[in-house]
Amino acid sequence: MRSEGIYGIYRRFGLTTLIQSPASALWWGTYGAAQYTIWRSLGYRDDIEKKPSSVEMVSVQASAGLVVGALSSVVTTPIDTVKTRLQVMDNYGDGFCGPFWTSCRKLVGKTLAD
């Protein structure tokens, strides 16, 4: 607070919001589809009277969460990496401060050079 004020606390908050909203939508949308697919593969259909056990329900939910979490991470991690660099780096030395796309180019260029 002393050196950067309130801006230092909320640095890149808008970018975080822009990243988390689609990531959350992707996660929940795919989670429902993954559960549906898993239930179908286990033989549960809409017209069936059979009810799943508690163990089956937890297993399906955990499996769907695992698959969707991995997919969501693969999709959103590159953008989140750039966002984190923008939040924590400064204007000194080899920092990645600046507009989002400039930071993306610097990060990719640095990765390819290593």
C-alpha atoms as a PDB file:
ATOM      1  CA  MET A   1       0.000   0.000   0.000  1.00  0.00           C
ATOM      2  CA  ARG A   2       2.799   2.389   0.889  1.00  0.00           C
ATOM      3  CA  SER A   3       4.707   2.164  -2.375  1.00  0.00           C
ATOM      4  CA  GLU A   4       1.954   1.504  -4.960  1.00  0.00           C
ATOM      5  CA  GLY A   5      -1.282   2.403  -3.227  1.00  0.00           C
ATOM      6  CA  ILE A   6      -4.594   0.742  -3.970  1.00  0.00           C
ATOM      7  CA  TYR A   7      -3.519   0.125  -7.586  1.00  0.00           C
ATOM      8  CA  GLY A   8      -0.846  -2.291  -6.341  1.00  0.00           C
ATOM      9  CA  ILE A   9      -3.484  -4.444  -4.646  1.00  0.00           C
ATOM     10  CA  TYR A  10      -5.853  -4.545  -7.614  1.00  0.00           C
ATOM     11  CA  ARG A  11      -3.234  -4.665 -10.386  1.00  0.00           C
ATOM     12  CA  ARG A  12      -4.660  -6.433 -13.439  1.00  0.00           C
ATOM     13  CA  PHE A  13      -7.983  -7.166 -11.701  1.00  0.00           C
ATOM     14  CA  GLY A  14      -9.858  -6.561 -14.957  1.00  0.00           C
ATOM     15  CA  LEU A  15      -7.632  -9.032 -16.783  1.00  0.00           C
ATOM     16  CA  THR A  16      -8.228 -11.601 -14.047  1.00  0.00           C
ATOM     17  CA  THR A  17     -11.977 -11.147 -14.437  1.00  0.00           C
ATOM     18  CA  LEU A  18     -11.744 -11.526 -18.208  1.00  0.00           C
ATOM     19  CA  ILE A  19      -9.800 -14.770 -17.807  1.00  0.00           C
ATOM     20  CA  GLN A  20     -11.807 -16.326 -14.973  1.00  0.00           C
ATOM     21  CA  SER A  21     -15.240 -15.768 -16.496  1.00  0.00           C
ATOM     22  CA  PRO A  22     -14.670 -17.849 -19.652  1.00  0.00           C
ATOM     23  CA  ALA A  23     -12.654 -20.397 -17.651  1.00  0.00           C
ATOM     24  CA  SER A  24     -15.544 -20.864 -15.240  1.00  0.00           C
ATOM     25  CA  ALA A  25     -18.059 -21.121 -18.079  1.00  0.00           C
ATOM     26  CA  LEU A  26     -15.836 -23.682 -19.812  1.00  0.00           C
ATOM     27  CA  TRP A  27     -15.469 -25.690 -16.614  1.00  0.00           C
ATOM     28  CA  TRP A  28     -19.162 -25.856 -15.707  1.00  0.00           C
ATOM     29  CA  GLY A  29     -20.331 -26.442 -19.266  1.00  0.00           C
ATOM     30  CA  THR A  30     -17.903 -29.293 -19.816  1.00  0.00           C
ATOM     31  CA  TYR A  31     -18.541 -30.722 -16.351  1.00  0.00           C
ATOM     32  CA  GLY A  32     -22.209 -31.264 -17.169  1.00  0.00           C
ATOM     33  CA  ALA A  33     -21.338 -32.826 -20.525  1.00  0.00           C
ATOM     34  CA  ALA A  34     -18.700 -35.080 -18.942  1.00  0.00           C
ATOM     35  CA  GLN A  35     -21.140 -36.327 -16.303  1.00  0.00           C
ATOM     36  CA  TYR A  36     -23.768 -36.986 -18.951  1.00  0.00           C
ATOM     37  CA  THR A  37     -21.275 -38.968 -21.051  1.00  0.00           C
ATOM     38  CA  ILE A  38     -20.052 -40.996 -18.074  1.00  0.00           C
ATOM     39  CA  TRP A  39     -23.599 -41.828 -16.937  1.00  0.00           C
ATOM     40  CA  ARG A  40     -24.494 -42.928 -20.470  1.00  0.00           C
ATOM     41  CA  SER A  41     -21.399 -45.127 -20.672  1.00  0.00           C
ATOM     42  CA  LEU A  42     -22.454 -46.795 -17.396  1.00  0.00           C
ATOM     43  CA  GLY A  43     -25.827 -47.668 -18.899  1.00  0.00           C
ATOM     44  CA  TYR A  44     -27.964 -45.010 -17.251  1.00  0.00           C
ATOM     45  CA  ARG A  45     -30.542 -43.527 -19.592  1.00  0.00           C
ATOM     46  CA  ASP A  46     -33.352 -41.031 -19.020  1.00  0.00           C
ATOM     47  CA  ASP A  47     -36.041 -43.697 -19.348  1.00  0.00           C
ATOM     48  CA  ILE A  48     -34.499 -46.124 -16.862  1.00  0.00           C
ATOM     49  CA  GLU A  49     -35.916 -46.546 -13.344  1.00  0.00           C
ATOM     50  CA  LYS A  50     -32.600 -47.751 -11.894  1.00  0.00           C
ATOM     51  CA  LYS A  51     -31.093 -45.320  -9.370  1.00  0.00           C
ATOM     52  CA  PRO A  52     -27.311 -45.034  -8.916  1.00  0.00           C
ATOM     53  CA  SER A  53     -25.703 -45.799  -5.567  1.00  0.00           C
ATOM     54  CA  SER A  54     -23.964 -43.122  -3.513  1.00  0.00           C
ATOM     55  CA  VAL A  55     -20.571 -44.586  -4.452  1.00  0.00           C
ATOM     56  CA  GLU A  56     -21.457 -44.407  -8.163  1.00  0.00           C
ATOM     57  CA  MET A  57     -22.611 -40.817  -7.848  1.00  0.00           C
ATOM     58  CA  VAL A  58     -19.427 -39.708  -6.081  1.00  0.00           C
ATOM     59  CA  SER A  59     -17.267 -41.674  -8.521  1.00  0.00           C
ATOM     60  CA  VAL A  60     -18.934 -40.107 -11.560  1.00  0.00           C
ATOM     61  CA  GLN A  61     -18.728 -36.604 -10.101  1.00  0.00           C
ATOM     62  CA  ALA A  62     -15.067 -37.053  -9.146  1.00  0.00           C
ATOM     63  CA  SER A  63     -14.191 -38.498 -12.567  1.00  0.00           C
ATOM     64  CA  ALA A  64     -15.967 -35.698 -14.390  1.00  0.00           C
ATOM     65  CA  GLY A  65     -14.270 -33.101 -12.177  1.00  0.00           C
ATOM     66  CA  LEU A  66     -10.853 -34.645 -12.827  1.00  0.00           C
ATOM     67  CA  VAL A  67     -11.298 -34.720 -16.606  1.00  0.00           C
ATOM     68  CA  VAL A  68     -12.750 -31.225 -16.787  1.00  0.00           C
ATOM     69  CA  GLY A  69     -10.161 -29.771 -14.404  1.00  0.00           C
ATOM     70  CA  ALA A  70      -7.363 -31.102 -16.593  1.00  0.00           C
ATOM     71  CA  LEU A  71      -9.001 -29.773 -19.770  1.00  0.00           C
ATOM     72  CA  SER A  72      -9.681 -26.378 -18.248  1.00  0.00           C
ATOM     73  CA  SER A  73      -6.091 -26.113 -16.997  1.00  0.00           C
ATOM     74  CA  VAL A  74      -4.661 -26.911 -20.409  1.00  0.00           C
ATOM     75  CA  VAL A  75      -6.802 -24.218 -22.014  1.00  0.00           C
ATOM     76  CA  THR A  76      -6.411 -21.433 -19.442  1.00  0.00           C
ATOM     77  CA  THR A  77      -2.879 -21.869 -18.034  1.00  0.00           C
ATOM     78  CA  PRO A  78      -1.056 -20.014 -20.850  1.00  0.00           C
ATOM     79  CA  ILE A  79      -3.271 -16.947 -20.428  1.00  0.00           C
ATOM     80  CA  ASP A  80      -3.042 -17.181 -16.644  1.00  0.00           C
ATOM     81  CA  THR A  81       0.761 -17.307 -16.862  1.00  0.00           C
ATOM     82  CA  VAL A  82       0.864 -14.046 -18.806  1.00  0.00           C
ATOM     83  CA  LYS A  83      -1.600 -12.472 -16.369  1.00  0.00           C
ATOM     84  CA  THR A  84       0.532 -13.480 -13.396  1.00  0.00           C
ATOM     85  CA  ARG A  85       3.657 -12.073 -15.041  1.00  0.00           C
ATOM     86  CA  LEU A  86       1.849  -8.793 -15.624  1.00  0.00           C
ATOM     87  CA  GLN A  87       0.782  -8.699 -11.976  1.00  0.00           C
ATOM     88  CA  VAL A  88       4.120  -9.376 -10.355  1.00  0.00           C
ATOM     89  CA  MET A  89       6.770  -7.970 -12.697  1.00  0.00           C
ATOM     90  CA  ASP A  90       7.865  -4.370 -12.768  1.00  0.00           C
ATOM     91  CA  ASN A  91       9.275  -1.926 -15.308  1.00  0.00           C
ATOM     92  CA  TYR A  92      12.890  -2.587 -14.341  1.00  0.00           C
ATOM     93  CA  GLY A  93      15.367  -4.836 -16.073  1.00  0.00           C
ATOM     94  CA  ASP A  94      13.841  -7.736 -17.944  1.00  0.00           C
ATOM     95  CA  GLY A  95      10.321  -7.287 -16.568  1.00  0.00           C
ATOM     96  CA  PHE A  96       7.252  -8.228 -18.553  1.00  0.00           C
ATOM     97  CA  CYS A  97       5.285  -5.109 -17.792  1.00  0.00           C
ATOM     98  CA  GLY A  98       3.141  -3.562 -20.472  1.00  0.00           C
ATOM     99  CA  PRO A  99       0.149  -4.426 -22.626  1.00  0.00           C
ATOM    100  CA  PHE A 100      -1.120  -8.001 -22.629  1.00  0.00           C
ATOM    101  CA  TRP A 101      -0.088  -8.913 -26.191  1.00  0.00           C
ATOM    102  CA  THR A 102       3.367  -7.363 -25.781  1.00  0.00           C
ATOM    103  CA  SER A 103       3.907  -9.526 -22.711  1.00  0.00           C
ATOM    104  CA  CYS A 104       2.696 -12.608 -24.624  1.00  0.00           C
ATOM    105  CA  ARG A 105       5.232 -11.978 -27.388  1.00  0.00           C
ATOM    106  CA  LYS A 106       8.058 -11.417 -24.887  1.00  0.00           C
ATOM    107  CA  LEU A 107       7.171 -14.565 -22.959  1.00  0.00           C
ATOM    108  CA  VAL A 108       6.967 -16.734 -26.096  1.00  0.00           C
ATOM    109  CA  GLY A 109      10.203 -15.254 -27.452  1.00  0.00           C
ATOM    110  CA  LYS A 110      11.981 -15.894 -24.166  1.00  0.00           C
ATOM    111  CA  THR A 111      10.690 -19.480 -24.030  1.00  0.00           C
ATOM    112  CA  LEU A 112      11.779 -20.235 -27.594  1.00  0.00           C
ATOM    113  CA  ALA A 113      15.243 -18.775 -26.944  1.00  0.00           C
ATOM    114  CA  ASP A 114      15.808 -20.940 -23.819  1.00  0.00           C
END
